[in-house]
Amino acid sequence: MSFFIPHRLLAAIAALFTALALTGCGYNDFQRLDEQTKSAWSEVLNQYQRRADLIPNVVATVKGEANFEQETLTKVVEARAKATSIQATPELVNNPEAFQKFQAAQGELSGALSRLLVVSENYPNLKANQGFQDLRVQLEGTENRITVARGRYVKAVQEYNVLARSFPSNLTAMLFSYKVKENFAVQNEAQISQPPAVSFEKPASK
């Protein structure tokens, strides 16, 4: 005795098995972690933009200080221009070359700002300028926010990449083209961001 199974029921059963298979292979986890990394990346960009928005006010204030090191100021302006010229779209995290350029540009800006703040300590008028000191506090606070946001992004990407590389979820990654995401090279960025040594001693006469 044979039984006829309606096509709709067969389709429903197939869909159920497919859903169970995808769940077991990490499909839902990929969706969750992908959204998590996008959210973390968005916060990194927000903090970088906050810093970029503060810089014109810093530059305008420093320009009013007589004999301030023009080279230092110029490097900040150029570094900001370079960093903001890179279009930081969500797709950037899937492009290793573009991501590295973005990271390097932001690192250069961090280094230029660090030098400016170091140099500003040698100008009493700037140290006494409440407006400049307020901007300095905002910049330092923003740098801290950048560090926190970048740390959360690093963690989110690590979780995503472990899922993308692990079995059997790596099969799901291959099936749906979920590629490993780029992450911040913390050691390299720390080296880029290290402020250069500043010496105000006159060179010895030859």
Protein backbone atom coordinates (compact mmCIF):
# COMPACT_ATOMS: atom_id res chain seq x y z
CA MET A 1 0.00 0.00 0.00
CA SER A 2 1.53 3.28 -1.05
CA PHE A 3 0.94 6.70 0.40
CA PHE A 4 0.88 9.94 -1.56
CA ILE A 5 2.75 12.79 0.08
CA PRO A 6 1.69 16.23 -1.15
CA HIS A 7 4.39 18.37 -2.73
CA ARG A 8 3.77 21.11 -0.20
CA LEU A 9 4.45 18.73 2.65
CA LEU A 10 7.61 17.48 0.99
CA ALA A 11 8.76 21.06 0.50
CA ALA A 12 8.03 21.84 4.15
CA ILE A 13 9.95 18.78 5.31
CA ALA A 14 12.90 19.68 3.06
CA ALA A 15 12.88 23.23 4.38
CA LEU A 16 12.84 21.93 7.96
CA PHE A 17 15.81 19.63 7.36
CA THR A 18 17.67 22.44 5.59
CA ALA A 19 17.03 24.79 8.51
CA LEU A 20 18.23 22.19 11.00
CA ALA A 21 21.34 21.50 8.92
CA LEU A 22 22.18 25.19 8.60
CA THR A 23 21.65 25.74 12.32
CA GLY A 24 23.96 22.85 13.12
CA CYS A 25 26.62 24.21 10.78
CA GLY A 26 26.66 27.68 12.29
CA TYR A 27 24.55 29.59 9.76
CA ASN A 28 22.70 31.53 12.46
CA ASP A 29 25.95 32.15 14.31
CA PHE A 30 27.42 33.69 11.16
CA GLN A 31 24.48 36.08 10.94
CA ARG A 32 24.82 37.07 14.58
CA LEU A 33 28.58 37.54 14.52
CA ASP A 34 28.51 39.36 11.19
CA GLU A 35 26.07 41.90 12.64
CA GLN A 36 28.23 42.11 15.75
CA THR A 37 31.35 42.94 13.74
CA LYS A 38 29.46 45.52 11.65
CA SER A 39 28.24 47.21 14.82
CA ALA A 40 31.73 47.20 16.35
CA TRP A 41 33.25 48.57 13.13
CA SER A 42 30.64 51.33 13.00
CA GLU A 43 31.63 52.42 16.50
CA VAL A 44 35.31 52.49 15.53
CA LEU A 45 34.46 54.76 12.60
CA ASN A 46 32.32 56.99 14.82
CA GLN A 47 35.22 57.58 17.18
CA TYR A 48 37.70 58.19 14.36
CA GLN A 49 35.25 60.72 12.90
CA ARG A 50 34.89 62.38 16.29
CA ARG A 51 38.66 62.83 16.40
CA ALA A 52 38.78 64.17 12.85
CA ASP A 53 36.08 66.72 13.71
CA LEU A 54 38.09 68.00 16.68
CA ILE A 55 41.32 68.56 14.77
CA PRO A 56 40.35 71.73 12.83
CA ASN A 57 39.62 73.48 16.14
CA VAL A 58 42.94 72.30 17.55
CA VAL A 59 44.80 73.53 14.47
CA ALA A 60 43.02 76.90 14.56
CA THR A 61 43.95 77.35 18.23
CA VAL A 62 47.59 76.36 17.75
CA LYS A 63 47.96 78.65 14.73
CA GLY A 64 47.44 81.58 17.07
CA GLU A 65 50.58 80.69 19.01
CA ALA A 66 53.56 82.62 17.75
CA ASN A 67 56.52 80.57 16.49
CA PHE A 68 54.75 77.23 16.92
CA GLU A 69 56.51 74.47 14.99
CA GLN A 70 54.98 74.67 11.54
CA GLU A 71 56.29 71.27 10.54
CA THR A 72 54.42 69.63 13.40
CA LEU A 73 51.22 71.48 12.54
CA THR A 74 51.53 70.69 8.85
CA LYS A 75 51.94 66.97 9.53
CA VAL A 76 48.73 66.94 11.57
CA VAL A 77 46.81 68.68 8.78
CA GLU A 78 48.24 66.36 6.12
CA ALA A 79 47.64 63.24 8.22
CA ARG A 80 44.02 64.23 8.82
CA ALA A 81 43.50 64.86 5.10
CA LYS A 82 44.95 61.45 4.26
CA ALA A 83 42.91 59.63 6.90
CA THR A 84 39.61 61.26 5.94
CA SER A 85 40.20 60.73 2.21
CA ILE A 86 39.78 56.96 2.64
CA GLN A 87 36.15 55.96 2.24
CA ALA A 88 35.57 53.65 5.18
CA THR A 89 32.66 51.59 3.90
CA PRO A 90 31.53 48.35 5.61
CA GLU A 91 33.09 46.45 2.70
CA LEU A 92 36.52 47.83 3.62
CA VAL A 93 36.91 45.15 6.31
CA ASN A 94 36.78 42.50 3.59
CA ASN A 95 39.54 44.13 1.55
CA PRO A 96 42.96 43.42 3.14
CA GLU A 97 44.86 46.06 1.15
CA ALA A 98 42.29 48.81 1.75
CA PHE A 99 42.01 47.92 5.42
CA GLN A 100 45.77 48.13 5.90
CA LYS A 101 45.89 51.54 4.20
CA PHE A 102 43.07 52.76 6.42
CA GLN A 103 44.81 51.47 9.54
CA ALA A 104 48.14 53.00 8.54
CA ALA A 105 46.52 56.39 7.82
CA GLN A 106 44.80 56.45 11.20
CA GLY A 107 48.03 55.40 12.88
CA GLU A 108 49.92 58.24 11.20
CA LEU A 109 47.29 60.70 12.40
CA SER A 110 47.62 59.37 15.96
CA GLY A 111 51.38 59.86 15.77
CA ALA A 112 51.09 63.40 14.39
CA LEU A 113 48.62 64.38 17.11
CA SER A 114 50.83 62.86 19.80
CA ARG A 115 53.76 64.95 18.64
CA LEU A 116 51.65 68.11 18.56
CA LEU A 117 50.54 67.56 22.16
CA VAL A 118 54.14 66.91 23.24
CA VAL A 119 55.37 70.05 21.52
CA SER A 120 52.53 72.16 22.94
CA GLU A 121 53.91 71.56 26.45
CA ASN A 122 56.76 73.92 25.58
CA TYR A 123 54.44 76.86 24.90
CA PRO A 124 53.23 78.54 28.12
CA ASN A 125 50.47 80.44 26.34
CA LEU A 126 48.95 77.21 25.04
CA LYS A 127 49.22 75.60 28.46
CA ALA A 128 47.36 78.60 29.89
CA ASN A 129 44.78 78.63 27.07
CA GLN A 130 41.61 77.09 28.52
CA GLY A 131 40.14 76.52 25.08
CA PHE A 132 43.17 74.53 24.00
CA GLN A 133 43.23 72.55 27.22
CA ASP A 134 39.54 71.67 26.78
CA LEU A 135 40.28 70.46 23.25
CA ARG A 136 43.21 68.46 24.56
CA VAL A 137 41.00 66.74 27.12
CA GLN A 138 38.46 65.95 24.39
CA LEU A 139 41.19 64.55 22.14
CA GLU A 140 42.61 62.37 24.89
CA GLY A 141 39.13 61.14 25.75
CA THR A 142 38.47 60.34 22.11
CA GLU A 143 41.74 58.41 21.85
CA ASN A 144 40.59 56.33 24.81
CA ARG A 145 37.24 55.71 23.13
CA ILE A 146 39.04 54.69 19.95
CA THR A 147 41.11 52.17 21.93
CA VAL A 148 37.99 50.70 23.55
CA ALA A 149 36.04 50.57 20.27
CA ARG A 150 38.99 49.00 18.45
CA GLY A 151 39.33 46.40 21.20
CA ARG A 152 35.68 45.43 20.85
CA TYR A 153 36.08 45.16 17.11
CA VAL A 154 39.15 42.95 17.51
CA LYS A 155 37.19 40.62 19.79
CA ALA A 156 34.17 40.52 17.47
CA VAL A 157 36.32 39.70 14.44
CA GLN A 158 38.21 37.02 16.34
CA GLU A 159 34.92 35.27 17.20
CA TYR A 160 33.74 35.52 13.61
CA ASN A 161 37.02 34.26 12.17
CA VAL A 162 37.17 31.29 14.56
CA LEU A 163 33.71 30.28 13.36
CA ALA A 164 34.74 30.73 9.73
CA ARG A 165 37.80 28.50 10.19
CA SER A 166 36.35 25.80 12.44
CA PHE A 167 34.76 22.54 11.29
CA PRO A 168 31.93 22.06 10.38
CA SER A 169 31.02 25.75 10.28
CA ASN A 170 33.84 26.32 7.77
CA LEU A 171 31.73 24.33 5.28
CA THR A 172 28.92 26.83 5.74
CA ALA A 173 31.45 29.62 5.28
CA MET A 174 32.58 28.15 1.98
CA LEU A 175 29.00 27.51 0.84
CA PHE A 176 27.87 31.07 1.49
CA SER A 177 31.23 32.79 0.81
CA TYR A 178 31.71 34.01 4.39
CA LYS A 179 35.32 35.09 4.22
CA VAL A 180 37.68 35.71 7.11
CA LYS A 181 37.60 39.38 8.07
CA GLU A 182 40.57 41.71 8.44
CA ASN A 183 41.58 42.74 11.93
CA PHE A 184 43.73 45.45 13.46
CA ALA A 185 47.43 44.65 13.66
CA VAL A 186 47.80 46.05 17.17
CA GLN A 187 51.60 45.84 17.33
CA ASN A 188 52.08 47.59 13.98
CA GLU A 189 49.63 50.34 14.87
CA ALA A 190 51.32 50.87 18.21
CA GLN A 191 54.61 51.37 16.41
CA ILE A 192 53.07 53.83 13.94
CA SER A 193 51.37 55.73 16.76
CA GLN A 194 54.50 56.04 18.88
CA PRO A 195 55.32 59.74 19.14
CA PRO A 196 58.84 60.60 17.99
CA ALA A 197 61.42 61.81 20.45
CA VAL A 198 61.37 65.59 20.68
CA SER A 199 64.47 67.46 21.73
CA PHE A 200 64.69 71.22 22.13
CA GLU A 201 68.40 71.26 22.83
CA LYS A 202 70.47 73.18 20.35
CA PRO A 203 72.80 70.99 18.32
CA ALA A 204 76.41 71.16 19.33
CA SER A 205 78.42 73.59 17.25
CA LYS A 206 80.96 71.99 14.99
